[in-house]
Amino acid sequence: MNNDVTQVLSAIENGDRQAAAELLPLVYEELRRLASSKMKQEKAGLTLQPTALVHEAFMRLVGGEDKQQWEGRGHFFAAAAEAMRRILIDNARRRGRDKRGGDFVRHELGDDCAIAKPDDLEDLLSLDEALTKLADEDPQLVKLVELRYFTGMTIDETAEVLGVSPRTTKRNWAYARAWLQNEMSDAGGS
């Protein structure tokens, strides 16, 4: 299947508009699983459903007029993680317009990827700001966080997508969590 995905991504890159229709069945279940793992923490009725998140992310990735450049399956799933992040952040901002203020609750960073609860708009927006700052320092760490937090990938899955060892991924994940926790604590105290 990995080879099929790579071939279809190559066809899309070469301008084959029908290849996008072939791609969705190949990646849908994995994208749906990733979206479901992230969305299971959401309050019912308040946000996107996993299926809607997958479809919107997919459309952002292959539905535009711009020709996409995919370096393979890992690059595609990294882009999917970033698209899901953007969609969730945009959705949180839309919801937040109606809910300015409220109780701000900080959550500890743990190995279970709990950087911020998706239903806590302020934490999600604070996380996005921290990730934007981290991108200036280390864009690869941002990709790791997007894959782990926004798609719920395991250490091994993330390592495969990023093309590094699980040990390196685990070490970088620990660093990224600590960096984000520090940044979000500083932002909350300001």
N, C-alpha and C. Protein backbone atom coordinates (compact mmCIF):
# COMPACT_ATOMS: atom_id res chain seq x y z
N MET A 1 0.83 -1.20 0.00
CA MET A 1 0.00 0.00 0.00
C MET A 1 0.86 1.25 0.00
N ASN A 2 1.99 1.24 0.76
CA ASN A 2 2.86 2.42 0.80
C ASN A 2 3.31 2.79 -0.60
N ASN A 3 3.64 1.78 -1.42
CA ASN A 3 4.08 2.02 -2.78
C ASN A 3 2.95 2.60 -3.62
N ASP A 4 1.71 2.10 -3.41
CA ASP A 4 0.55 2.63 -4.14
C ASP A 4 0.34 4.11 -3.83
N VAL A 5 0.44 4.46 -2.54
CA VAL A 5 0.26 5.86 -2.14
C VAL A 5 1.33 6.72 -2.79
N THR A 6 2.56 6.27 -2.76
CA THR A 6 3.66 7.03 -3.37
C THR A 6 3.43 7.22 -4.86
N GLN A 7 2.97 6.18 -5.56
CA GLN A 7 2.71 6.28 -6.99
C GLN A 7 1.59 7.28 -7.29
N VAL A 8 0.53 7.23 -6.52
CA VAL A 8 -0.59 8.14 -6.73
C VAL A 8 -0.16 9.58 -6.42
N LEU A 9 0.62 9.77 -5.34
CA LEU A 9 1.12 11.10 -5.02
C LEU A 9 1.99 11.64 -6.16
N SER A 10 2.78 10.77 -6.75
CA SER A 10 3.61 11.17 -7.89
C SER A 10 2.73 11.59 -9.07
N ALA A 11 1.66 10.84 -9.31
CA ALA A 11 0.74 11.19 -10.40
C ALA A 11 0.08 12.55 -10.15
N ILE A 12 -0.30 12.81 -8.91
CA ILE A 12 -0.89 14.11 -8.56
C ILE A 12 0.13 15.21 -8.81
N GLU A 13 1.36 14.97 -8.40
CA GLU A 13 2.42 15.95 -8.58
C GLU A 13 2.64 16.25 -10.06
N ASN A 14 2.45 15.24 -10.90
CA ASN A 14 2.63 15.41 -12.34
C ASN A 14 1.41 15.98 -13.04
N GLY A 15 0.41 16.39 -12.25
CA GLY A 15 -0.73 17.08 -12.82
C GLY A 15 -1.94 16.21 -13.14
N ASP A 16 -1.93 14.95 -12.77
CA ASP A 16 -3.07 14.05 -13.02
C ASP A 16 -4.16 14.35 -11.99
N ARG A 17 -5.18 15.12 -12.39
CA ARG A 17 -6.25 15.54 -11.48
C ARG A 17 -7.10 14.35 -11.02
N GLN A 18 -7.18 13.28 -11.82
CA GLN A 18 -7.98 12.12 -11.43
C GLN A 18 -7.27 11.26 -10.39
N ALA A 19 -5.98 11.46 -10.23
CA ALA A 19 -5.23 10.67 -9.25
C ALA A 19 -5.70 10.97 -7.83
N ALA A 20 -6.21 12.17 -7.58
CA ALA A 20 -6.71 12.51 -6.24
C ALA A 20 -7.86 11.59 -5.86
N ALA A 21 -8.69 11.22 -6.83
CA ALA A 21 -9.80 10.30 -6.54
C ALA A 21 -9.27 8.92 -6.17
N GLU A 22 -8.12 8.55 -6.71
CA GLU A 22 -7.51 7.26 -6.37
C GLU A 22 -6.84 7.31 -5.00
N LEU A 23 -6.38 8.49 -4.61
CA LEU A 23 -5.66 8.63 -3.35
C LEU A 23 -6.56 8.47 -2.14
N LEU A 24 -7.74 9.06 -2.17
CA LEU A 24 -8.61 9.04 -1.00
C LEU A 24 -8.87 7.63 -0.48
N PRO A 25 -9.25 6.66 -1.31
CA PRO A 25 -9.47 5.32 -0.76
C PRO A 25 -8.21 4.70 -0.15
N LEU A 26 -7.04 5.08 -0.65
CA LEU A 26 -5.80 4.52 -0.13
C LEU A 26 -5.43 5.06 1.24
N VAL A 27 -5.76 6.32 1.51
CA VAL A 27 -5.34 6.96 2.76
C VAL A 27 -6.49 7.24 3.72
N TYR A 28 -7.71 7.02 3.27
CA TYR A 28 -8.87 7.44 4.05
C TYR A 28 -8.90 6.80 5.44
N GLU A 29 -8.75 5.48 5.51
CA GLU A 29 -8.87 4.81 6.80
C GLU A 29 -7.80 5.28 7.78
N GLU A 30 -6.58 5.48 7.29
CA GLU A 30 -5.53 5.95 8.19
C GLU A 30 -5.79 7.38 8.63
N LEU A 31 -6.20 8.24 7.71
CA LEU A 31 -6.54 9.62 8.08
C LEU A 31 -7.72 9.64 9.05
N ARG A 32 -8.70 8.81 8.82
CA ARG A 32 -9.89 8.74 9.69
C ARG A 32 -9.50 8.29 11.09
N ARG A 33 -8.61 7.28 11.15
CA ARG A 33 -8.14 6.79 12.45
C ARG A 33 -7.40 7.90 13.20
N LEU A 34 -6.56 8.63 12.48
CA LEU A 34 -5.82 9.72 13.10
C LEU A 34 -6.76 10.82 13.58
N ALA A 35 -7.72 11.18 12.75
CA ALA A 35 -8.68 12.22 13.13
C ALA A 35 -9.54 11.76 14.30
N SER A 36 -9.95 10.51 14.29
CA SER A 36 -10.79 9.99 15.39
C SER A 36 -10.05 10.03 16.72
N SER A 37 -8.77 9.67 16.69
CA SER A 37 -8.01 9.67 17.94
C SER A 37 -7.89 11.08 18.50
N LYS A 38 -7.82 12.06 17.63
CA LYS A 38 -7.71 13.44 18.09
C LYS A 38 -9.07 13.99 18.50
N MET A 39 -10.11 13.62 17.80
CA MET A 39 -11.42 14.20 18.02
C MET A 39 -12.19 13.54 19.16
N LYS A 40 -11.74 12.39 19.65
CA LYS A 40 -12.51 11.71 20.70
C LYS A 40 -12.59 12.53 21.98
N GLN A 41 -11.71 13.52 22.14
CA GLN A 41 -11.73 14.38 23.32
C GLN A 41 -12.68 15.57 23.15
N GLU A 42 -13.15 15.79 21.95
CA GLU A 42 -14.03 16.93 21.69
C GLU A 42 -15.42 16.70 22.28
N LYS A 43 -16.05 17.77 22.70
CA LYS A 43 -17.43 17.69 23.16
C LYS A 43 -18.34 17.48 21.96
N ALA A 44 -19.31 16.62 22.11
CA ALA A 44 -20.23 16.33 21.01
C ALA A 44 -20.98 17.59 20.59
N GLY A 45 -21.09 17.77 19.29
CA GLY A 45 -21.87 18.88 18.76
C GLY A 45 -21.18 20.22 18.75
N LEU A 46 -19.99 20.32 19.33
CA LEU A 46 -19.33 21.61 19.41
C LEU A 46 -18.30 21.83 18.31
N THR A 47 -17.95 20.80 17.60
CA THR A 47 -16.88 20.96 16.62
C THR A 47 -17.05 19.99 15.47
N LEU A 48 -16.06 19.92 14.64
CA LEU A 48 -16.05 19.00 13.51
C LEU A 48 -16.09 17.55 13.98
N GLN A 49 -16.68 16.72 13.17
CA GLN A 49 -16.61 15.28 13.40
C GLN A 49 -15.37 14.78 12.67
N PRO A 50 -14.83 13.61 13.07
CA PRO A 50 -13.62 13.10 12.41
C PRO A 50 -13.75 13.02 10.89
N THR A 51 -14.90 12.57 10.41
CA THR A 51 -15.09 12.45 8.96
C THR A 51 -14.97 13.81 8.29
N ALA A 52 -15.59 14.82 8.88
CA ALA A 52 -15.52 16.17 8.31
C ALA A 52 -14.08 16.69 8.36
N LEU A 53 -13.37 16.41 9.44
CA LEU A 53 -11.97 16.83 9.56
C LEU A 53 -11.12 16.18 8.47
N VAL A 54 -11.32 14.89 8.24
CA VAL A 54 -10.57 14.17 7.19
C VAL A 54 -10.88 14.77 5.82
N HIS A 55 -12.14 14.97 5.54
CA HIS A 55 -12.53 15.49 4.23
C HIS A 55 -11.99 16.90 4.00
N GLU A 56 -12.09 17.76 5.01
CA GLU A 56 -11.60 19.11 4.85
C GLU A 56 -10.08 19.12 4.69
N ALA A 57 -9.38 18.31 5.48
CA ALA A 57 -7.92 18.23 5.36
C ALA A 57 -7.54 17.69 3.98
N PHE A 58 -8.23 16.67 3.52
CA PHE A 58 -7.94 16.09 2.21
C PHE A 58 -8.14 17.12 1.11
N MET A 59 -9.22 17.88 1.19
CA MET A 59 -9.48 18.89 0.17
C MET A 59 -8.41 19.98 0.17
N ARG A 60 -7.93 20.33 1.35
CA ARG A 60 -6.86 21.33 1.42
C ARG A 60 -5.58 20.79 0.79
N LEU A 61 -5.37 19.49 0.92
CA LEU A 61 -4.13 18.89 0.41
C LEU A 61 -4.15 18.67 -1.10
N VAL A 62 -5.27 18.20 -1.63
CA VAL A 62 -5.28 17.83 -3.05
C VAL A 62 -6.39 18.51 -3.84
N GLY A 63 -7.23 19.30 -3.20
CA GLY A 63 -8.38 19.88 -3.89
C GLY A 63 -8.15 21.22 -4.54
N GLY A 64 -7.01 21.83 -4.27
CA GLY A 64 -6.76 23.16 -4.81
C GLY A 64 -6.21 23.13 -6.22
N GLU A 65 -6.11 24.30 -6.78
CA GLU A 65 -5.57 24.42 -8.14
C GLU A 65 -4.05 24.35 -8.15
N ASP A 66 -3.43 24.65 -7.00
CA ASP A 66 -1.97 24.63 -6.93
C ASP A 66 -1.45 23.20 -7.05
N LYS A 67 -0.41 23.03 -7.82
CA LYS A 67 0.22 21.73 -8.01
C LYS A 67 1.00 21.38 -6.75
N GLN A 68 0.71 20.25 -6.14
CA GLN A 68 1.37 19.83 -4.91
C GLN A 68 2.65 19.06 -5.22
N GLN A 69 3.63 19.21 -4.35
CA GLN A 69 4.90 18.50 -4.47
C GLN A 69 5.01 17.57 -3.25
N TRP A 70 4.81 16.28 -3.46
CA TRP A 70 4.89 15.31 -2.37
C TRP A 70 6.17 14.51 -2.50
N GLU A 71 6.89 14.38 -1.43
CA GLU A 71 8.13 13.61 -1.43
C GLU A 71 7.88 12.18 -0.95
N GLY A 72 6.65 11.75 -0.96
CA GLY A 72 6.31 10.40 -0.54
C GLY A 72 5.23 10.39 0.51
N ARG A 73 4.95 9.19 0.98
CA ARG A 73 3.88 8.96 1.95
C ARG A 73 4.09 9.77 3.23
N GLY A 74 5.30 9.75 3.76
CA GLY A 74 5.59 10.47 5.00
C GLY A 74 5.33 11.95 4.88
N HIS A 75 5.74 12.53 3.76
CA HIS A 75 5.52 13.95 3.52
C HIS A 75 4.03 14.25 3.45
N PHE A 76 3.28 13.38 2.79
CA PHE A 76 1.84 13.57 2.67
C PHE A 76 1.18 13.57 4.05
N PHE A 77 1.53 12.57 4.90
CA PHE A 77 0.90 12.50 6.22
C PHE A 77 1.35 13.64 7.14
N ALA A 78 2.57 14.12 6.97
CA ALA A 78 3.01 15.29 7.72
C ALA A 78 2.18 16.51 7.30
N ALA A 79 1.94 16.64 6.00
CA ALA A 79 1.11 17.74 5.51
C ALA A 79 -0.33 17.58 6.01
N ALA A 80 -0.82 16.34 6.08
CA ALA A 80 -2.16 16.09 6.59
C ALA A 80 -2.26 16.51 8.06
N ALA A 81 -1.22 16.21 8.83
CA ALA A 81 -1.21 16.61 10.25
C ALA A 81 -1.26 18.13 10.38
N GLU A 82 -0.48 18.81 9.54
CA GLU A 82 -0.49 20.27 9.59
C GLU A 82 -1.85 20.82 9.17
N ALA A 83 -2.46 20.22 8.15
CA ALA A 83 -3.79 20.66 7.71
C ALA A 83 -4.81 20.46 8.83
N MET A 84 -4.75 19.32 9.52
CA MET A 84 -5.68 19.07 10.62
C MET A 84 -5.48 20.10 11.73
N ARG A 85 -4.22 20.42 12.00
CA ARG A 85 -3.94 21.45 13.02
C ARG A 85 -4.60 22.76 12.63
N ARG A 86 -4.39 23.19 11.40
CA ARG A 86 -4.95 24.46 10.94
C ARG A 86 -6.48 24.46 11.02
N ILE A 87 -7.09 23.36 10.64
CA ILE A 87 -8.55 23.26 10.66
C ILE A 87 -9.05 23.35 12.10
N LEU A 88 -8.42 22.61 13.01
CA LEU A 88 -8.84 22.64 14.42
C LEU A 88 -8.64 24.03 15.03
N ILE A 89 -7.53 24.67 14.69
CA ILE A 89 -7.28 26.02 15.21
C ILE A 89 -8.30 27.01 14.65
N ASP A 90 -8.55 26.93 13.34
CA ASP A 90 -9.56 27.81 12.74
C ASP A 90 -10.93 27.59 13.37
N ASN A 91 -11.27 26.34 13.62
CA ASN A 91 -12.54 26.01 14.25
C ASN A 91 -12.59 26.54 15.68
N ALA A 92 -11.48 26.43 16.41
CA ALA A 92 -11.43 26.95 17.78
C ALA A 92 -11.58 28.47 17.78
N ARG A 93 -10.96 29.13 16.83
CA ARG A 93 -11.08 30.59 16.75
C ARG A 93 -12.52 31.00 16.46
N ARG A 94 -13.16 30.26 15.56
CA ARG A 94 -14.57 30.56 15.24
C ARG A 94 -15.43 30.38 16.50
N ARG A 95 -15.22 29.28 17.20
CA ARG A 95 -16.00 29.03 18.42
C ARG A 95 -15.65 30.06 19.49
N GLY A 96 -14.39 30.46 19.54
CA GLY A 96 -13.93 31.40 20.57
C GLY A 96 -14.49 32.78 20.43
N ARG A 97 -14.85 33.16 19.24
CA ARG A 97 -15.45 34.49 19.05
C ARG A 97 -16.72 34.63 19.87
N ASP A 98 -17.42 33.52 20.05
CA ASP A 98 -18.65 33.55 20.83
C ASP A 98 -18.40 33.37 22.33
N LYS A 99 -17.19 32.97 22.68
CA LYS A 99 -16.91 32.63 24.07
C LYS A 99 -15.68 33.36 24.60
N ARG A 100 -15.58 34.63 24.41
CA ARG A 100 -14.43 35.37 24.92
C ARG A 100 -14.38 35.28 26.44
N GLY A 101 -13.18 35.19 26.96
CA GLY A 101 -13.01 35.11 28.40
C GLY A 101 -13.17 33.69 28.87
N GLY A 102 -13.85 33.49 30.01
CA GLY A 102 -14.07 32.15 30.53
C GLY A 102 -12.92 31.71 31.41
N ASP A 103 -13.02 30.51 31.90
CA ASP A 103 -11.99 29.95 32.77
C ASP A 103 -10.84 29.40 31.95
N PHE A 104 -9.64 29.86 32.25
CA PHE A 104 -8.44 29.40 31.57
C PHE A 104 -7.83 28.31 32.43
N VAL A 105 -7.75 27.11 31.89
CA VAL A 105 -7.22 25.99 32.65
C VAL A 105 -5.98 25.46 31.94
N ARG A 106 -4.89 25.37 32.66
CA ARG A 106 -3.63 24.87 32.11
C ARG A 106 -3.58 23.36 32.36
N HIS A 107 -3.09 22.61 31.37
CA HIS A 107 -2.97 21.17 31.49
C HIS A 107 -1.51 20.78 31.39
N GLU A 108 -1.09 19.83 32.24
CA GLU A 108 0.28 19.35 32.21
C GLU A 108 0.52 18.55 30.94
N LEU A 109 1.74 18.60 30.45
CA LEU A 109 2.13 17.82 29.29
C LEU A 109 2.55 16.43 29.75
N GLY A 110 1.98 15.41 29.16
CA GLY A 110 2.34 14.05 29.51
C GLY A 110 2.62 13.23 28.28
N ASP A 111 3.03 12.00 28.48
CA ASP A 111 3.32 11.13 27.36
C ASP A 111 2.08 10.77 26.57
N ASP A 112 0.90 11.02 27.13
CA ASP A 112 -0.33 10.69 26.42
C ASP A 112 -0.77 11.80 25.47
N CYS A 113 0.12 12.72 25.16
CA CYS A 113 -0.11 13.80 24.18
C CYS A 113 -1.06 14.87 24.69
N ALA A 114 -1.33 14.96 25.97
CA ALA A 114 -2.30 15.92 26.48
C ALA A 114 -1.65 17.29 26.68
N ILE A 115 -1.34 17.96 25.59
CA ILE A 115 -0.79 19.31 25.68
C ILE A 115 -1.89 20.28 26.04
N ALA A 116 -3.01 20.18 25.38
CA ALA A 116 -4.16 21.02 25.66
C ALA A 116 -5.40 20.25 25.26
N LYS A 117 -6.45 20.41 26.00
CA LYS A 117 -7.69 19.74 25.66
C LYS A 117 -8.32 20.45 24.47
N PRO A 118 -8.76 19.68 23.45
CA PRO A 118 -9.33 20.32 22.27
C PRO A 118 -10.57 21.16 22.56
N ASP A 119 -11.28 20.87 23.67
CA ASP A 119 -12.46 21.65 23.95
C ASP A 119 -12.15 22.90 24.78
N ASP A 120 -10.89 23.12 25.13
CA ASP A 120 -10.47 24.31 25.83
C ASP A 120 -9.88 25.27 24.80
N LEU A 121 -10.70 26.18 24.32
CA LEU A 121 -10.31 27.07 23.23
C LEU A 121 -9.06 27.86 23.53
N GLU A 122 -8.96 28.40 24.72
CA GLU A 122 -7.81 29.22 25.08
C GLU A 122 -6.52 28.40 25.04
N ASP A 123 -6.55 27.16 25.57
CA ASP A 123 -5.36 26.32 25.54
C ASP A 123 -4.98 25.97 24.10
N LEU A 124 -5.96 25.68 23.28
CA LEU A 124 -5.67 25.32 21.89
C LEU A 124 -5.05 26.51 21.15
N LEU A 125 -5.59 27.69 21.38
CA LEU A 125 -5.03 28.89 20.74
C LEU A 125 -3.65 29.21 21.30
N SER A 126 -3.46 29.00 22.60
CA SER A 126 -2.15 29.21 23.22
C SER A 126 -1.13 28.22 22.65
N LEU A 127 -1.56 26.98 22.45
CA LEU A 127 -0.69 25.98 21.84
C LEU A 127 -0.30 26.40 20.43
N ASP A 128 -1.25 26.90 19.67
CA ASP A 128 -0.95 27.33 18.31
C ASP A 128 0.08 28.46 18.31
N GLU A 129 -0.07 29.42 19.21
CA GLU A 129 0.90 30.52 19.31
C GLU A 129 2.28 29.98 19.67
N ALA A 130 2.33 29.04 20.62
CA ALA A 130 3.61 28.46 21.03
C ALA A 130 4.24 27.68 19.87
N LEU A 131 3.42 26.95 19.11
CA LEU A 131 3.95 26.21 17.97
C LEU A 131 4.49 27.15 16.89
N THR A 132 3.84 28.28 16.72
CA THR A 132 4.32 29.26 15.75
C THR A 132 5.69 29.78 16.17
N LYS A 133 5.89 30.04 17.46
CA LYS A 133 7.20 30.47 17.96
C LYS A 133 8.23 29.34 17.81
N LEU A 134 7.82 28.12 18.11
CA LEU A 134 8.73 26.97 18.00
C LEU A 134 9.16 26.76 16.55
N ALA A 135 8.28 27.07 15.60
CA ALA A 135 8.61 26.91 14.18
C ALA A 135 9.80 27.77 13.79
N ASP A 136 9.97 28.93 14.43
CA ASP A 136 11.12 29.78 14.15
C ASP A 136 12.40 29.14 14.65
N GLU A 137 12.30 28.40 15.74
CA GLU A 137 13.46 27.76 16.35
C GLU A 137 13.77 26.39 15.74
N ASP A 138 12.72 25.58 15.54
CA ASP A 138 12.94 24.21 15.03
C ASP A 138 11.68 23.69 14.35
N PRO A 139 11.54 23.91 13.05
CA PRO A 139 10.35 23.48 12.32
C PRO A 139 10.10 21.97 12.39
N GLN A 140 11.17 21.18 12.51
CA GLN A 140 11.02 19.73 12.58
C GLN A 140 10.29 19.32 13.86
N LEU A 141 10.55 20.03 14.95
CA LEU A 141 9.83 19.74 16.21
C LEU A 141 8.35 20.05 16.06
N VAL A 142 8.01 21.08 15.31
CA VAL A 142 6.61 21.43 15.08
C VAL A 142 5.92 20.28 14.34
N LYS A 143 6.59 19.74 13.33
CA LYS A 143 6.02 18.60 12.59
C LYS A 143 5.78 17.42 13.52
N LEU A 144 6.75 17.17 14.41
CA LEU A 144 6.60 16.09 15.38
C LEU A 144 5.37 16.31 16.26
N VAL A 145 5.22 17.53 16.79
CA VAL A 145 4.07 17.83 17.65
C VAL A 145 2.77 17.70 16.87
N GLU A 146 2.74 18.18 15.64
CA GLU A 146 1.52 18.07 14.83
C GLU A 146 1.14 16.60 14.63
N LEU A 147 2.14 15.78 14.34
CA LEU A 147 1.86 14.36 14.13
C LEU A 147 1.40 13.67 15.41
N ARG A 148 2.08 13.95 16.52
CA ARG A 148 1.74 13.31 17.78
C ARG A 148 0.44 13.87 18.36
N TYR A 149 0.32 15.19 18.42
CA TYR A 149 -0.82 15.80 19.10
C TYR A 149 -2.06 15.90 18.22
N PHE A 150 -1.90 16.43 17.02
CA PHE A 150 -3.07 16.69 16.20
C PHE A 150 -3.58 15.47 15.45
N THR A 151 -2.74 14.46 15.25
CA THR A 151 -3.23 13.25 14.60
C THR A 151 -3.20 12.05 15.51
N GLY A 152 -2.53 12.15 16.65
CA GLY A 152 -2.50 11.06 17.61
C GLY A 152 -1.60 9.90 17.22
N MET A 153 -0.64 10.14 16.34
CA MET A 153 0.27 9.07 15.95
C MET A 153 1.13 8.64 17.13
N THR A 154 1.51 7.38 17.12
CA THR A 154 2.41 6.86 18.15
C THR A 154 3.83 7.32 17.86
N ILE A 155 4.73 7.06 18.81
CA ILE A 155 6.14 7.38 18.62
C ILE A 155 6.67 6.67 17.37
N ASP A 156 6.37 5.39 17.24
CA ASP A 156 6.87 4.61 16.09
C ASP A 156 6.30 5.13 14.77
N GLU A 157 5.00 5.44 14.73
CA GLU A 157 4.40 5.96 13.51
C GLU A 157 5.00 7.32 13.14
N THR A 158 5.19 8.16 14.15
CA THR A 158 5.77 9.47 13.92
C THR A 158 7.20 9.35 13.42
N ALA A 159 7.97 8.45 14.02
CA ALA A 159 9.35 8.23 13.58
C ALA A 159 9.40 7.81 12.12
N GLU A 160 8.49 6.92 11.73
CA GLU A 160 8.45 6.47 10.34
C GLU A 160 8.15 7.63 9.39
N VAL A 161 7.15 8.44 9.73
CA VAL A 161 6.78 9.56 8.86
C VAL A 161 7.92 10.57 8.76
N LEU A 162 8.59 10.83 9.89
CA LEU A 162 9.66 11.82 9.89
C LEU A 162 10.99 11.26 9.38
N GLY A 163 11.08 9.94 9.27
CA GLY A 163 12.31 9.32 8.76
C GLY A 163 13.45 9.34 9.76
N VAL A 164 13.11 9.25 11.05
CA VAL A 164 14.13 9.18 12.11
C VAL A 164 13.82 7.99 13.00
N SER A 165 14.73 7.69 13.91
CA SER A 165 14.54 6.54 14.79
C SER A 165 13.49 6.85 15.86
N PRO A 166 12.83 5.80 16.37
CA PRO A 166 11.89 6.01 17.47
C PRO A 166 12.57 6.64 18.70
N ARG A 167 13.82 6.28 18.93
CA ARG A 167 14.55 6.84 20.08
C ARG A 167 14.72 8.35 19.92
N THR A 168 15.10 8.79 18.73
CA THR A 168 15.24 10.22 18.45
C THR A 168 13.88 10.91 18.58
N THR A 169 12.85 10.27 18.06
CA THR A 169 11.51 10.84 18.15
C THR A 169 11.07 11.00 19.60
N LYS A 170 11.34 9.98 20.41
CA LYS A 170 10.95 10.04 21.83
C LYS A 170 11.70 11.17 22.55
N ARG A 171 12.99 11.28 22.26
CA ARG A 171 13.80 12.35 22.88
C ARG A 171 13.30 13.72 22.43
N ASN A 172 13.05 13.88 21.14
CA ASN A 172 12.56 15.17 20.63
C ASN A 172 11.16 15.49 21.14
N TRP A 173 10.32 14.46 21.32
CA TRP A 173 8.98 14.65 21.86
C TRP A 173 9.06 15.18 23.29
N ALA A 174 9.96 14.61 24.09
CA ALA A 174 10.13 15.07 25.48
C ALA A 174 10.58 16.53 25.49
N TYR A 175 11.52 16.87 24.62
CA TYR A 175 12.00 18.25 24.55
C TYR A 175 10.89 19.19 24.11
N ALA A 176 10.17 18.81 23.06
CA ALA A 176 9.10 19.66 22.53
C ALA A 176 8.02 19.89 23.59
N ARG A 177 7.63 18.84 24.31
CA ARG A 177 6.62 18.99 25.36
C ARG A 177 7.09 19.98 26.42
N ALA A 178 8.35 19.83 26.85
CA ALA A 178 8.89 20.72 27.89
C ALA A 178 8.95 22.16 27.37
N TRP A 179 9.40 22.33 26.13
CA TRP A 179 9.50 23.67 25.54
C TRP A 179 8.12 24.31 25.46
N LEU A 180 7.14 23.55 24.98
CA LEU A 180 5.78 24.09 24.84
C LEU A 180 5.16 24.40 26.21
N GLN A 181 5.38 23.51 27.16
CA GLN A 181 4.84 23.74 28.50
C GLN A 181 5.42 25.03 29.08
N ASN A 182 6.71 25.23 28.93
CA ASN A 182 7.36 26.44 29.42
C ASN A 182 6.81 27.67 28.70
N GLU A 183 6.71 27.60 27.39
CA GLU A 183 6.20 28.72 26.59
C GLU A 183 4.76 29.06 26.95
N MET A 184 3.93 28.03 27.11
CA MET A 184 2.53 28.26 27.43
C MET A 184 2.37 28.78 28.86
N SER A 185 3.24 28.35 29.78
CA SER A 185 3.20 28.87 31.15
C SER A 185 3.58 30.33 31.19
N ASP A 186 4.64 30.68 30.41
CA ASP A 186 5.06 32.08 30.34
C ASP A 186 3.96 32.95 29.74
N ALA A 187 3.30 32.45 28.72
CA ALA A 187 2.22 33.20 28.06
C ALA A 187 1.03 33.37 28.99
N GLY A 188 0.74 32.35 29.78
CA GLY A 188 -0.39 32.42 30.71
C GLY A 188 -0.14 33.38 31.85
N GLY A 189 1.14 33.56 32.20
CA GLY A 189 1.48 34.46 33.31
C GLY A 189 1.61 35.90 32.89
N SER A 190 1.61 36.15 31.59
CA SER A 190 1.79 37.54 31.09
C SER A 190 0.54 38.33 31.22
